């Protein structure tokens, strides 16, 4: 029933919020504290979490409700981050991380991610130890084996919606852009959707664990 309910909630990219000021950030933090869980997704400059830089963070608390916090988008699309200045309307990265740290480290708030190992390793470099966590890819492995790997594959199968592919924003091959060069508006829609899909997947899949008695596999997997 939960599955059908969640599939029925429309995915509206224009309904997502872009957090550009402290008031909005504090409102989201308060909301997460009340909800008790949040899907978190980081956008970065690369695929290696030991060298990539944070570009933005997206959050989702309820299916259909998500936000993106742009942190390091640059102005010049063709320039390196060092060359181009920061695009306007972004909170200082340190201020955002300082505000999110207590929440991300709070043991009473569950953080949900997809292939969360990447985000956890990245945030650790910024001095944040994220705990406790659920990972939708590990949930998927515990329930379905290695049938699905990407968020898009999982979301398409379970939610009937694959989401915007990253290549639509950064391109492919030699001309591929870095996420920091993507304009904030399309970046926010893409990133917030990822958090929303991750949260929806968690709602749909987590209850199956107990039902299928695979909780022990999942809990001991990592």
Protein backbone atom coordinates (compact mmCIF):
# COMPACT_ATOMS: atom_id res chain seq x y z
CA UNK A 1 0.00 0.00 0.00
CA UNK A 2 2.86 2.33 0.93
CA UNK A 3 4.45 1.51 -2.42
CA UNK A 4 1.35 2.53 -4.39
CA UNK A 5 0.91 5.67 -2.31
CA UNK A 6 4.45 6.79 -2.99
CA UNK A 7 4.28 5.97 -6.70
CA UNK A 8 1.14 8.12 -6.86
CA UNK A 9 2.88 11.24 -5.51
CA UNK A 10 3.89 13.25 -8.57
CA UNK A 11 7.51 14.20 -9.17
CA UNK A 12 7.57 17.93 -9.80
CA UNK A 13 11.06 19.31 -10.38
CA UNK A 14 9.76 22.87 -10.12
CA UNK A 15 8.38 22.26 -6.63
CA UNK A 16 11.87 21.75 -5.18
CA UNK A 17 13.48 24.53 -3.19
CA UNK A 18 16.89 26.13 -3.60
CA UNK A 19 18.32 27.15 -0.23
CA UNK A 20 20.12 30.46 -0.69
CA UNK A 21 19.86 32.10 2.73
CA UNK A 22 20.29 31.22 6.38
CA UNK A 23 16.59 31.51 7.18
CA UNK A 24 15.71 28.79 4.66
CA UNK A 25 18.57 26.58 5.88
CA UNK A 26 17.44 26.89 9.51
CA UNK A 27 13.84 26.12 8.50
CA UNK A 28 15.00 22.91 6.77
CA UNK A 29 17.17 21.89 9.73
CA UNK A 30 14.22 22.36 12.12
CA UNK A 31 12.01 20.35 9.78
CA UNK A 32 14.53 17.48 9.62
CA UNK A 33 14.82 17.43 13.42
CA UNK A 34 11.04 17.02 13.61
CA UNK A 35 10.85 14.38 10.87
CA UNK A 36 13.66 12.28 12.37
CA UNK A 37 15.14 11.25 9.03
CA UNK A 38 16.49 12.89 5.89
CA UNK A 39 17.77 11.75 2.51
CA UNK A 40 21.12 13.40 1.77
CA UNK A 41 22.98 13.63 -1.51
CA UNK A 42 26.19 15.50 -2.28
CA UNK A 43 27.14 17.00 -5.62
CA UNK A 44 30.88 17.25 -6.20
CA UNK A 45 33.60 18.00 -8.75
CA UNK A 46 34.62 14.38 -9.33
CA UNK A 47 34.12 10.66 -8.83
CA UNK A 48 36.88 10.16 -6.24
CA UNK A 49 35.63 11.17 -2.80
CA UNK A 50 39.20 11.69 -1.57
CA UNK A 51 39.97 14.44 -4.07
CA UNK A 52 36.59 15.82 -5.17
CA UNK A 53 35.31 19.12 -3.80
CA UNK A 54 31.81 19.69 -2.53
CA UNK A 55 29.62 21.71 -4.90
CA UNK A 56 26.23 21.35 -3.21
CA UNK A 57 24.07 19.27 -0.89
CA UNK A 58 20.49 18.13 -1.42
CA UNK A 59 18.00 17.09 1.23
CA UNK A 60 14.59 15.42 1.23
CA UNK A 61 12.28 14.78 4.18
CA UNK A 62 8.99 13.77 2.57
CA UNK A 63 8.32 12.34 -0.91
CA UNK A 64 7.95 15.32 -3.23
CA UNK A 65 9.64 17.73 -0.82
CA UNK A 66 13.34 18.33 -1.43
CA UNK A 67 15.86 21.14 -1.50
CA UNK A 68 19.30 21.88 -2.88
CA UNK A 69 21.95 23.98 -1.15
CA UNK A 70 24.33 25.34 -3.79
CA UNK A 71 27.79 25.93 -2.32
CA UNK A 72 30.45 26.19 -5.00
CA UNK A 73 28.89 26.85 -8.40
CA UNK A 74 31.06 29.13 -10.51
CA UNK A 75 30.11 31.90 -12.88
CA UNK A 76 32.07 31.12 -16.03
CA UNK A 77 30.73 27.96 -17.64
CA UNK A 78 33.98 27.35 -19.49
CA UNK A 79 36.32 28.33 -16.70
CA UNK A 80 37.98 26.39 -13.93
CA UNK A 81 36.59 27.08 -10.44
CA UNK A 82 39.83 28.94 -9.59
CA UNK A 83 39.41 31.26 -12.58
CA UNK A 84 35.72 32.02 -12.33
CA UNK A 85 34.26 33.58 -9.22
CA UNK A 86 31.45 31.96 -7.29
CA UNK A 87 27.97 32.39 -8.73
CA UNK A 88 25.72 34.66 -6.66
CA UNK A 89 23.16 33.49 -4.14
CA UNK A 90 25.15 30.78 -2.38
CA UNK A 91 25.69 30.57 1.37
CA UNK A 92 29.33 30.30 2.52
CA UNK A 93 30.29 26.62 2.49
CA UNK A 94 31.76 26.69 6.00
CA UNK A 95 28.64 28.28 7.45
CA UNK A 96 26.43 25.61 5.87
CA UNK A 97 28.65 22.74 7.03
CA UNK A 98 28.83 24.14 10.56
CA UNK A 99 25.03 24.39 10.61
CA UNK A 100 24.52 20.87 9.22
CA UNK A 101 27.21 19.11 11.27
CA UNK A 102 25.18 18.67 14.51
CA UNK A 103 22.27 17.30 12.50
CA UNK A 104 24.37 14.96 10.37
CA UNK A 105 26.13 13.65 13.49
CA UNK A 106 22.94 13.41 15.61
CA UNK A 107 22.37 9.77 16.52
CA UNK A 108 18.61 10.25 16.74
CA UNK A 109 18.26 11.42 13.11
CA UNK A 110 18.56 8.77 10.39
CA UNK A 111 20.46 9.85 7.29
CA UNK A 112 19.52 8.06 4.08
CA UNK A 113 21.74 7.96 1.02
CA UNK A 114 22.32 6.06 -2.17
CA UNK A 115 25.78 4.50 -2.50
CA UNK A 116 26.32 6.50 0.69
CA UNK A 117 29.93 5.40 1.12
CA UNK A 118 30.91 8.09 -1.39
CA UNK A 119 29.12 10.91 0.46
CA UNK A 120 30.29 9.69 3.88
CA UNK A 121 33.93 9.63 2.79
CA UNK A 122 33.60 13.05 1.23
CA UNK A 123 31.92 14.65 4.25
CA UNK A 124 34.49 13.06 6.57
CA UNK A 125 37.13 15.15 4.79
CA UNK A 126 35.09 18.22 5.74
CA UNK A 127 35.10 17.14 9.38
CA UNK A 128 31.63 15.59 9.51
CA UNK A 129 31.07 12.02 10.71
CA UNK A 130 27.63 11.09 9.39
CA UNK A 131 25.75 8.65 11.62
CA UNK A 132 23.41 6.71 11.72
CA UNK A 133 22.80 5.80 8.06
CA UNK A 134 20.72 3.75 5.70
CA UNK A 135 21.89 3.14 2.16
CA UNK A 136 19.37 2.39 -0.59
CA UNK A 137 21.95 0.52 -2.68
CA UNK A 138 22.75 -1.80 0.26
CA UNK A 139 19.02 -2.25 0.91
CA UNK A 140 18.72 -3.21 -2.74
CA UNK A 141 21.60 -5.70 -2.55
CA UNK A 142 20.11 -7.30 0.54
CA UNK A 143 16.70 -7.64 -1.10
CA UNK A 144 17.45 -8.18 -4.78
CA UNK A 145 21.12 -9.09 -5.03
CA UNK A 146 23.08 -7.16 -7.63
CA UNK A 147 20.07 -6.72 -9.90
CA UNK A 148 20.17 -2.93 -9.89
CA UNK A 149 23.14 -0.68 -9.36
CA UNK A 150 22.35 2.92 -10.14
CA UNK A 151 19.77 5.16 -8.51
CA UNK A 152 18.20 5.59 -11.96
CA UNK A 153 17.77 1.82 -12.45
CA UNK A 154 16.29 1.36 -8.99
CA UNK A 155 13.99 4.38 -9.27
CA UNK A 156 12.79 3.32 -12.70
CA UNK A 157 11.98 -0.17 -11.44
CA UNK A 158 10.38 0.67 -8.10
CA UNK A 159 9.00 4.16 -8.71
CA UNK A 160 8.42 4.11 -12.47
CA UNK A 161 10.62 7.21 -12.82
CA UNK A 162 14.33 7.16 -13.62
CA UNK A 163 15.10 10.82 -12.97
CA UNK A 164 17.21 13.29 -14.92
CA UNK A 165 20.49 11.68 -16.05
CA UNK A 166 23.64 13.55 -14.95
CA UNK A 167 24.88 13.62 -18.57
CA UNK A 168 22.00 15.96 -19.40
CA UNK A 169 23.73 18.55 -17.22
CA UNK A 170 27.43 17.91 -17.70
CA UNK A 171 27.56 16.27 -21.12
CA UNK A 172 29.87 13.42 -22.05
CA UNK A 173 33.37 12.74 -23.37
CA UNK A 174 35.96 15.45 -23.89
CA UNK A 175 33.55 18.35 -23.52
CA UNK A 176 32.22 17.06 -20.20
CA UNK A 177 31.68 19.79 -17.64
CA UNK A 178 32.38 19.70 -13.99
CA UNK A 179 29.27 19.96 -11.74
CA UNK A 180 30.51 23.31 -10.39
CA UNK A 181 30.11 24.71 -13.91
CA UNK A 182 26.43 23.74 -14.11
CA UNK A 183 24.06 26.66 -13.53
CA UNK A 184 22.33 26.59 -10.15
CA UNK A 185 18.71 26.27 -11.39
CA UNK A 186 19.13 23.03 -13.41
CA UNK A 187 21.63 21.72 -10.84
CA UNK A 188 19.06 22.22 -8.07
CA UNK A 189 16.32 20.40 -9.95
CA UNK A 190 18.61 17.45 -10.70
CA UNK A 191 20.14 17.20 -7.22
CA UNK A 192 16.90 17.67 -5.29
CA UNK A 193 15.26 15.00 -7.46
CA UNK A 194 18.06 12.58 -6.51
CA UNK A 195 17.36 13.17 -2.82
CA UNK A 196 13.61 12.82 -3.38
CA UNK A 197 14.05 9.53 -5.31
CA UNK A 198 16.43 8.20 -2.63
CA UNK A 199 13.88 8.99 0.08
CA UNK A 200 11.04 7.39 -1.90
CA UNK A 201 13.12 4.25 -2.51
CA UNK A 202 13.87 4.00 1.18
CA UNK A 203 10.15 4.27 2.03
CA UNK A 204 9.30 1.57 -0.50
CA UNK A 205 12.15 -0.84 0.24
CA UNK A 206 12.93 -0.54 3.96
CA UNK A 207 9.66 -2.19 5.14
CA UNK A 208 10.45 -5.17 2.87
CA UNK A 209 13.52 -5.98 4.96
CA UNK A 210 11.59 -7.11 8.02
CA UNK A 211 8.98 -8.80 5.85
CA UNK A 212 11.57 -10.80 3.97
CA UNK A 213 13.75 -11.45 7.03
CA UNK A 214 16.83 -10.07 5.32
CA UNK A 215 17.44 -7.45 7.98
CA UNK A 216 20.36 -9.39 9.43
CA UNK A 217 22.00 -9.62 6.01
CA UNK A 218 21.61 -5.89 5.59
CA UNK A 219 22.70 -4.90 9.09
CA UNK A 220 25.84 -7.04 8.92
CA UNK A 221 26.68 -6.46 5.26
CA UNK A 222 28.99 -3.51 5.69
